[in-house]
Amino acid sequence: MRNKIKRRIRHVLIAHQAELATLDFVVSARKGVEFLTYQELEQKFTSCTKNSKEIYQEGLSCEKEKSKLAGLLVLALLILTACGTSEVTASSPDLWERFVYFFAVTIRFLSFNGSTGIGIILFTLIIRTVLLPVFPIADQCFTQNAGSTAIE
Protein backbone atom coordinates (compact mmCIF):
# COMPACT_ATOMS: atom_id res chain seq x y z
CA MET A 1 0.00 0.00 0.00
CA ARG A 2 2.83 2.40 0.91
CA ASN A 3 4.52 1.93 -2.44
CA LYS A 4 1.23 2.54 -4.23
CA ILE A 5 0.85 5.89 -2.45
CA LYS A 6 4.47 6.82 -3.22
CA ARG A 7 3.95 6.00 -6.91
CA ARG A 8 0.80 8.15 -7.07
CA ILE A 9 2.54 11.09 -5.39
CA ARG A 10 5.60 10.67 -7.64
CA HIS A 11 3.35 10.64 -10.70
CA VAL A 12 1.65 13.88 -9.59
CA LEU A 13 5.05 15.49 -8.91
CA ILE A 14 6.30 14.54 -12.37
CA ALA A 15 3.11 15.86 -13.98
CA HIS A 16 3.58 19.25 -12.25
CA GLN A 17 7.38 19.40 -12.46
CA ALA A 18 7.47 22.69 -14.40
CA GLU A 19 5.43 24.47 -11.70
CA LEU A 20 7.62 23.12 -8.90
CA ALA A 21 11.01 24.19 -10.20
CA THR A 22 11.37 26.99 -7.63
CA LEU A 23 9.76 25.24 -4.66
CA ASP A 24 11.19 22.97 -1.98
CA PHE A 25 8.80 21.02 0.20
CA VAL A 26 8.29 17.80 2.12
CA VAL A 27 5.40 15.46 1.38
CA SER A 28 3.76 13.87 4.39
CA ALA A 29 0.70 11.72 3.82
CA ARG A 30 -2.19 11.66 6.27
CA LYS A 31 -4.31 8.72 7.25
CA GLY A 32 -6.87 7.99 4.56
CA VAL A 33 -4.72 9.06 1.63
CA GLU A 34 -4.74 5.49 0.36
CA PHE A 35 -8.45 5.84 -0.43
CA LEU A 36 -8.02 8.94 -2.61
CA THR A 37 -8.29 8.58 -6.34
CA TYR A 38 -5.55 9.93 -8.58
CA GLN A 39 -7.74 12.93 -9.51
CA GLU A 40 -8.47 13.75 -5.84
CA LEU A 41 -4.79 13.45 -4.96
CA GLU A 42 -3.82 15.72 -7.86
CA GLN A 43 -6.51 18.26 -6.89
CA LYS A 44 -5.31 18.38 -3.26
CA PHE A 45 -1.69 18.64 -4.36
CA THR A 46 -2.49 21.48 -6.77
CA SER A 47 -4.33 23.30 -3.99
CA CYS A 48 -1.33 22.90 -1.65
CA THR A 49 1.16 24.17 -4.22
CA LYS A 50 -1.07 27.15 -5.00
CA ASN A 51 -1.24 28.02 -1.28
CA SER A 52 2.51 27.61 -0.87
CA LYS A 53 3.18 29.91 -3.84
CA GLU A 54 0.87 32.57 -2.35
CA ILE A 55 2.63 32.33 1.00
CA TYR A 56 5.99 32.57 -0.76
CA GLN A 57 4.87 35.66 -2.69
CA GLU A 58 3.57 37.29 0.51
CA GLY A 59 6.98 36.65 2.07
CA LEU A 60 8.70 38.30 -0.89
CA SER A 61 6.47 41.37 -0.71
CA CYS A 62 7.19 41.56 3.01
CA GLU A 63 10.93 41.47 2.28
CA LYS A 64 10.49 44.26 -0.27
CA GLU A 65 8.63 46.36 2.29
CA LYS A 66 11.40 45.75 4.83
CA SER A 67 14.06 46.83 2.36
CA LYS A 68 12.06 49.97 1.48
CA LEU A 69 11.69 50.78 5.16
CA ALA A 70 15.41 50.24 5.74
CA GLY A 71 16.19 52.55 2.83
CA LEU A 72 13.91 55.23 4.24
CA LEU A 73 15.54 54.91 7.66
CA VAL A 74 19.02 55.27 6.16
CA LEU A 75 17.85 58.29 4.17
CA ALA A 76 16.33 59.85 7.30
CA LEU A 77 19.55 59.18 9.17
CA LEU A 78 21.59 60.88 6.47
CA ILE A 79 19.24 63.85 6.34
CA LEU A 80 18.84 64.35 10.08
CA THR A 81 22.41 63.67 11.17
CA ALA A 82 24.57 66.76 11.41
CA CYS A 83 22.15 68.91 9.49
CA GLY A 84 23.19 72.21 10.97
CA THR A 85 26.65 73.66 10.88
CA SER A 86 25.98 76.46 13.35
CA GLU A 87 26.41 76.11 17.07
CA VAL A 88 23.26 75.20 18.98
CA THR A 89 22.54 77.59 21.85
CA ALA A 90 19.60 78.62 24.00
CA SER A 91 18.95 81.53 21.65
CA SER A 92 18.89 79.44 18.46
CA PRO A 93 15.96 80.46 16.26
CA ASP A 94 14.96 77.04 14.91
CA LEU A 95 12.57 74.79 16.79
CA TRP A 96 14.70 71.71 16.04
CA GLU A 97 17.82 73.33 17.48
CA ARG A 98 15.92 74.32 20.63
CA PHE A 99 14.75 70.71 20.92
CA VAL A 100 18.31 69.43 20.59
CA TYR A 101 19.55 72.05 23.05
CA PHE A 102 16.95 70.92 25.63
CA PHE A 103 18.24 67.35 25.40
CA ALA A 104 21.86 68.48 25.66
CA VAL A 105 21.14 70.59 28.76
CA THR A 106 19.21 67.72 30.36
CA ILE A 107 22.04 65.25 29.71
CA ARG A 108 24.63 67.70 31.12
CA PHE A 109 22.43 68.18 34.19
CA LEU A 110 22.26 64.39 34.75
CA SER A 111 26.02 63.96 34.26
CA PHE A 112 28.21 63.51 37.34
CA ASN A 113 31.63 65.23 37.42
CA GLY A 114 31.51 65.88 33.68
CA SER A 115 30.85 62.21 32.85
CA THR A 116 28.46 62.56 29.91
CA GLY A 117 28.06 58.77 29.55
CA ILE A 118 26.29 58.51 32.91
CA GLY A 119 24.06 61.43 31.89
CA ILE A 120 23.09 59.66 28.66
CA ILE A 121 22.31 56.43 30.53
CA LEU A 122 20.17 58.23 33.12
CA PHE A 123 18.40 60.24 30.41
CA THR A 124 17.64 57.01 28.52
CA LEU A 125 16.25 55.39 31.69
CA ILE A 126 14.03 58.41 32.35
CA ILE A 127 12.66 58.45 28.79
CA ARG A 128 12.00 54.69 28.85
CA THR A 129 10.25 55.01 32.22
CA VAL A 130 8.05 57.79 30.87
CA LEU A 131 7.21 55.67 27.80
CA LEU A 132 6.62 52.49 29.83
CA PRO A 133 2.79 52.75 29.68
CA VAL A 134 2.97 52.90 25.87
CA PHE A 135 4.88 49.59 25.45
CA PRO A 136 1.94 47.23 26.24
CA ILE A 137 -0.27 49.14 23.81
CA ALA A 138 2.34 48.84 21.09
CA ASP A 139 2.77 45.12 21.85
CA GLN A 140 -0.98 44.58 21.64
CA CYS A 141 -1.18 46.38 18.29
CA PHE A 142 1.76 44.35 16.98
CA THR A 143 0.26 40.99 18.00
CA GLN A 144 -3.12 41.93 16.53
CA ASN A 145 -1.51 42.86 13.20
CA ALA A 146 0.65 39.74 13.22
CA GLY A 147 -2.38 37.57 14.01
CA SER A 148 -4.40 39.01 11.14
CA THR A 149 -1.92 37.65 8.59
CA ALA A 150 -1.95 34.12 10.00
CA ILE A 151 -3.14 31.32 7.72
CA GLU A 152 -6.09 29.35 8.92
C-alpha atoms as a PDB file:
ATOM      1  CA  MET A   1       0.000   0.000   0.000  1.00  0.00           C
ATOM      2  CA  ARG A   2       2.826   2.403   0.911  1.00  0.00           C
ATOM      3  CA  ASN A   3       4.522   1.932  -2.444  1.00  0.00           C
ATOM      4  CA  LYS A   4       1.227   2.541  -4.233  1.00  0.00           C
ATOM      5  CA  ILE A   5       0.850   5.892  -2.446  1.00  0.00           C
ATOM      6  CA  LYS A   6       4.466   6.819  -3.216  1.00  0.00           C
ATOM      7  CA  ARG A   7       3.946   6.002  -6.914  1.00  0.00           C
ATOM      8  CA  ARG A   8       0.805   8.149  -7.073  1.00  0.00           C
ATOM      9  CA  ILE A   9       2.539  11.086  -5.394  1.00  0.00           C
ATOM     10  CA  ARG A  10       5.598  10.674  -7.635  1.00  0.00           C
ATOM     11  CA  HIS A  11       3.345  10.638 -10.699  1.00  0.00           C
ATOM     12  CA  VAL A  12       1.645  13.880  -9.586  1.00  0.00           C
ATOM     13  CA  LEU A  13       5.050  15.488  -8.913  1.00  0.00           C
ATOM     14  CA  ILE A  14       6.300  14.538 -12.374  1.00  0.00           C
ATOM     15  CA  ALA A  15       3.107  15.857 -13.982  1.00  0.00           C
ATOM     16  CA  HIS A  16       3.585  19.249 -12.255  1.00  0.00           C
ATOM     17  CA  GLN A  17       7.377  19.401 -12.460  1.00  0.00           C
ATOM     18  CA  ALA A  18       7.474  22.690 -14.398  1.00  0.00           C
ATOM     19  CA  GLU A  19       5.433  24.467 -11.697  1.00  0.00           C
ATOM     20  CA  LEU A  20       7.619  23.124  -8.899  1.00  0.00           C
ATOM     21  CA  ALA A  21      11.009  24.186 -10.202  1.00  0.00           C
ATOM     22  CA  THR A  22      11.372  26.993  -7.633  1.00  0.00           C
ATOM     23  CA  LEU A  23       9.759  25.239  -4.665  1.00  0.00           C
ATOM     24  CA  ASP A  24      11.194  22.975  -1.978  1.00  0.00           C
ATOM     25  CA  PHE A  25       8.800  21.021   0.203  1.00  0.00           C
ATOM     26  CA  VAL A  26       8.287  17.802   2.118  1.00  0.00           C
ATOM     27  CA  VAL A  27       5.398  15.465   1.378  1.00  0.00           C
ATOM     28  CA  SER A  28       3.759  13.871   4.387  1.00  0.00           C
ATOM     29  CA  ALA A  29       0.696  11.717   3.822  1.00  0.00           C
ATOM     30  CA  ARG A  30      -2.189  11.665   6.272  1.00  0.00           C
ATOM     31  CA  LYS A  31      -4.309   8.720   7.253  1.00  0.00           C
ATOM     32  CA  GLY A  32      -6.875   7.985   4.563  1.00  0.00           C
ATOM     33  CA  VAL A  33      -4.716   9.057   1.629  1.00  0.00           C
ATOM     34  CA  GLU A  34      -4.736   5.492   0.364  1.00  0.00           C
ATOM     35  CA  PHE A  35      -8.448   5.842  -0.426  1.00  0.00           C
ATOM     36  CA  LEU A  36      -8.023   8.944  -2.613  1.00  0.00           C
ATOM     37  CA  THR A  37      -8.289   8.578  -6.343  1.00  0.00           C
ATOM     38  CA  TYR A  38      -5.554   9.930  -8.581  1.00  0.00           C
ATOM     39  CA  GLN A  39      -7.740  12.931  -9.509  1.00  0.00           C
ATOM     40  CA  GLU A  40      -8.472  13.752  -5.843  1.00  0.00           C
ATOM     41  CA  LEU A  41      -4.794  13.451  -4.964  1.00  0.00           C
ATOM     42  CA  GLU A  42      -3.819  15.722  -7.858  1.00  0.00           C
ATOM     43  CA  GLN A  43      -6.509  18.257  -6.892  1.00  0.00           C
ATOM     44  CA  LYS A  44      -5.310  18.382  -3.264  1.00  0.00           C
ATOM     45  CA  PHE A  45      -1.693  18.636  -4.360  1.00  0.00           C
ATOM     46  CA  THR A  46      -2.486  21.480  -6.773  1.00  0.00           C
ATOM     47  CA  SER A  47      -4.325  23.304  -3.992  1.00  0.00           C
ATOM     48  CA  CYS A  48      -1.334  22.900  -1.651  1.00  0.00           C
ATOM     49  CA  THR A  49       1.160  24.165  -4.218  1.00  0.00           C
ATOM     50  CA  LYS A  50      -1.071  27.149  -4.997  1.00  0.00           C
ATOM     51  CA  ASN A  51      -1.240  28.021  -1.284  1.00  0.00           C
ATOM     52  CA  SER A  52       2.509  27.613  -0.871  1.00  0.00           C
ATOM     53  CA  LYS A  53       3.184  29.907  -3.837  1.00  0.00           C
ATOM     54  CA  GLU A  54       0.869  32.571  -2.354  1.00  0.00           C
ATOM     55  CA  ILE A  55       2.631  32.327   0.999  1.00  0.00           C
ATOM     56  CA  TYR A  56       5.994  32.571  -0.756  1.00  0.00           C
ATOM     57  CA  GLN A  57       4.875  35.656  -2.693  1.00  0.00           C
ATOM     58  CA  GLU A  58       3.572  37.290   0.512  1.00  0.00           C
ATOM     59  CA  GLY A  59       6.975  36.648   2.067  1.00  0.00           C
ATOM     60  CA  LEU A  60       8.698  38.296  -0.891  1.00  0.00           C
ATOM     61  CA  SER A  61       6.475  41.366  -0.709  1.00  0.00           C
ATOM     62  CA  CYS A  62       7.193  41.556   3.011  1.00  0.00           C
ATOM     63  CA  GLU A  63      10.926  41.470   2.278  1.00  0.00           C
ATOM     64  CA  LYS A  64      10.488  44.258  -0.272  1.00  0.00           C
ATOM     65  CA  GLU A  65       8.630  46.358   2.292  1.00  0.00           C
ATOM     66  CA  LYS A  66      11.395  45.750   4.827  1.00  0.00           C
ATOM     67  CA  SER A  67      14.059  46.827   2.358  1.00  0.00           C
ATOM     68  CA  LYS A  68      12.059  49.965   1.480  1.00  0.00           C
ATOM     69  CA  LEU A  69      11.688  50.784   5.164  1.00  0.00           C
ATOM     70  CA  ALA A  70      15.411  50.239   5.744  1.00  0.00           C
ATOM     71  CA  GLY A  71      16.193  52.553   2.826  1.00  0.00           C
ATOM     72  CA  LEU A  72      13.907  55.231   4.241  1.00  0.00           C
ATOM     73  CA  LEU A  73      15.537  54.912   7.657  1.00  0.00           C
ATOM     74  CA  VAL A  74      19.016  55.273   6.157  1.00  0.00           C
ATOM     75  CA  LEU A  75      17.850  58.294   4.166  1.00  0.00           C
ATOM     76  CA  ALA A  76      16.331  59.847   7.300  1.00  0.00           C
ATOM     77  CA  LEU A  77      19.550  59.176   9.171  1.00  0.00           C
ATOM     78  CA  LEU A  78      21.594  60.879   6.473  1.00  0.00           C
ATOM     79  CA  ILE A  79      19.235  63.847   6.344  1.00  0.00           C
ATOM     80  CA  LEU A  80      18.838  64.347  10.079  1.00  0.00           C
ATOM     81  CA  THR A  81      22.411  63.672  11.172  1.00  0.00           C
ATOM     82  CA  ALA A  82      24.574  66.761  11.413  1.00  0.00           C
ATOM     83  CA  CYS A  83      22.149  68.912   9.485  1.00  0.00           C
ATOM     84  CA  GLY A  84      23.185  72.209  10.971  1.00  0.00           C
ATOM     85  CA  THR A  85      26.654  73.660  10.884  1.00  0.00           C
ATOM     86  CA  SER A  86      25.982  76.458  13.345  1.00  0.00           C
ATOM     87  CA  GLU A  87      26.409  76.106  17.072  1.00  0.00           C
ATOM     88  CA  VAL A  88      23.255  75.201  18.984  1.00  0.00           C
ATOM     89  CA  THR A  89      22.543  77.594  21.853  1.00  0.00           C
ATOM     90  CA  ALA A  90      19.600  78.620  23.997  1.00  0.00           C
ATOM     91  CA  SER A  91      18.951  81.532  21.655  1.00  0.00           C
ATOM     92  CA  SER A  92      18.891  79.438  18.465  1.00  0.00           C
ATOM     93  CA  PRO A  93      15.956  80.462  16.256  1.00  0.00           C
ATOM     94  CA  ASP A  94      14.964  77.036  14.908  1.00  0.00           C
ATOM     95  CA  LEU A  95      12.566  74.790  16.789  1.00  0.00           C
ATOM     96  CA  TRP A  96      14.698  71.706  16.044  1.00  0.00           C
ATOM     97  CA  GLU A  97      17.823  73.333  17.478  1.00  0.00           C
ATOM     98  CA  ARG A  98      15.924  74.315  20.626  1.00  0.00           C
ATOM     99  CA  PHE A  99      14.745  70.713  20.923  1.00  0.00           C
ATOM    100  CA  VAL A 100      18.313  69.428  20.593  1.00  0.00           C
ATOM    101  CA  TYR A 101      19.554  72.052  23.046  1.00  0.00           C
ATOM    102  CA  PHE A 102      16.953  70.925  25.626  1.00  0.00           C
ATOM    103  CA  PHE A 103      18.242  67.346  25.395  1.00  0.00           C
ATOM    104  CA  ALA A 104      21.860  68.479  25.655  1.00  0.00           C
ATOM    105  CA  VAL A 105      21.143  70.592  28.765  1.00  0.00           C
ATOM    106  CA  THR A 106      19.208  67.722  30.358  1.00  0.00           C
ATOM    107  CA  ILE A 107      22.041  65.255  29.714  1.00  0.00           C
ATOM    108  CA  ARG A 108      24.626  67.701  31.120  1.00  0.00           C
ATOM    109  CA  PHE A 109      22.433  68.177  34.193  1.00  0.00           C
ATOM    110  CA  LEU A 110      22.262  64.394  34.752  1.00  0.00           C
ATOM    111  CA  SER A 111      26.023  63.959  34.264  1.00  0.00           C
ATOM    112  CA  PHE A 112      28.211  63.509  37.341  1.00  0.00           C
ATOM    113  CA  ASN A 113      31.630  65.234  37.422  1.00  0.00           C
ATOM    114  CA  GLY A 114      31.506  65.880  33.676  1.00  0.00           C
ATOM    115  CA  SER A 115      30.845  62.209  32.849  1.00  0.00           C
ATOM    116  CA  THR A 116      28.464  62.558  29.911  1.00  0.00           C
ATOM    117  CA  GLY A 117      28.063  58.768  29.555  1.00  0.00           C
ATOM    118  CA  ILE A 118      26.285  58.510  32.906  1.00  0.00           C
ATOM    119  CA  GLY A 119      24.058  61.425  31.890  1.00  0.00           C
ATOM    120  CA  ILE A 120      23.094  59.657  28.663  1.00  0.00           C
ATOM    121  CA  ILE A 121      22.313  56.426  30.530  1.00  0.00           C
ATOM    122  CA  LEU A 122      20.173  58.231  33.123  1.00  0.00           C
ATOM    123  CA  PHE A 123      18.400  60.245  30.413  1.00  0.00           C
ATOM    124  CA  THR A 124      17.638  57.013  28.523  1.00  0.00           C
ATOM    125  CA  LEU A 125      16.245  55.390  31.688  1.00  0.00           C
ATOM    126  CA  ILE A 126      14.028  58.410  32.349  1.00  0.00           C
ATOM    127  CA  ILE A 127      12.659  58.452  28.789  1.00  0.00           C
ATOM    128  CA  ARG A 128      12.000  54.694  28.853  1.00  0.00           C
ATOM    129  CA  THR A 129      10.253  55.010  32.225  1.00  0.00           C
ATOM    130  CA  VAL A 130       8.051  57.790  30.872  1.00  0.00           C
ATOM    131  CA  LEU A 131       7.211  55.670  27.802  1.00  0.00           C
ATOM    132  CA  LEU A 132       6.617  52.492  29.830  1.00  0.00           C
ATOM    133  CA  PRO A 133       2.792  52.748  29.680  1.00  0.00           C
ATOM    134  CA  VAL A 134       2.968  52.898  25.867  1.00  0.00           C
ATOM    135  CA  PHE A 135       4.881  49.595  25.455  1.00  0.00           C
ATOM    136  CA  PRO A 136       1.943  47.226  26.243  1.00  0.00           C
ATOM    137  CA  ILE A 137      -0.270  49.137  23.814  1.00  0.00           C
ATOM    138  CA  ALA A 138       2.345  48.844  21.091  1.00  0.00           C
ATOM    139  CA  ASP A 139       2.772  45.122  21.852  1.00  0.00           C
ATOM    140  CA  GLN A 140      -0.977  44.584  21.644  1.00  0.00           C
ATOM    141  CA  CYS A 141      -1.177  46.376  18.285  1.00  0.00           C
ATOM    142  CA  PHE A 142       1.757  44.351  16.981  1.00  0.00           C
ATOM    143  CA  THR A 143       0.263  40.989  18.003  1.00  0.00           C
ATOM    144  CA  GLN A 144      -3.121  41.928  16.526  1.00  0.00           C
ATOM    145  CA  ASN A 145      -1.510  42.860  13.201  1.00  0.00           C
ATOM    146  CA  ALA A 146       0.652  39.739  13.220  1.00  0.00           C
ATOM    147  CA  GLY A 147      -2.384  37.575  14.011  1.00  0.00           C
ATOM    148  CA  SER A 148      -4.403  39.013  11.139  1.00  0.00           C
ATOM    149  CA  THR A 149      -1.923  37.645   8.593  1.00  0.00           C
ATOM    150  CA  ALA A 150      -1.952  34.118  10.004  1.00  0.00           C
ATOM    151  CA  ILE A 151      -3.138  31.324   7.724  1.00  0.00           C
ATOM    152  CA  GLU A 152      -6.091  29.350   8.915  1.00  0.00           C
END
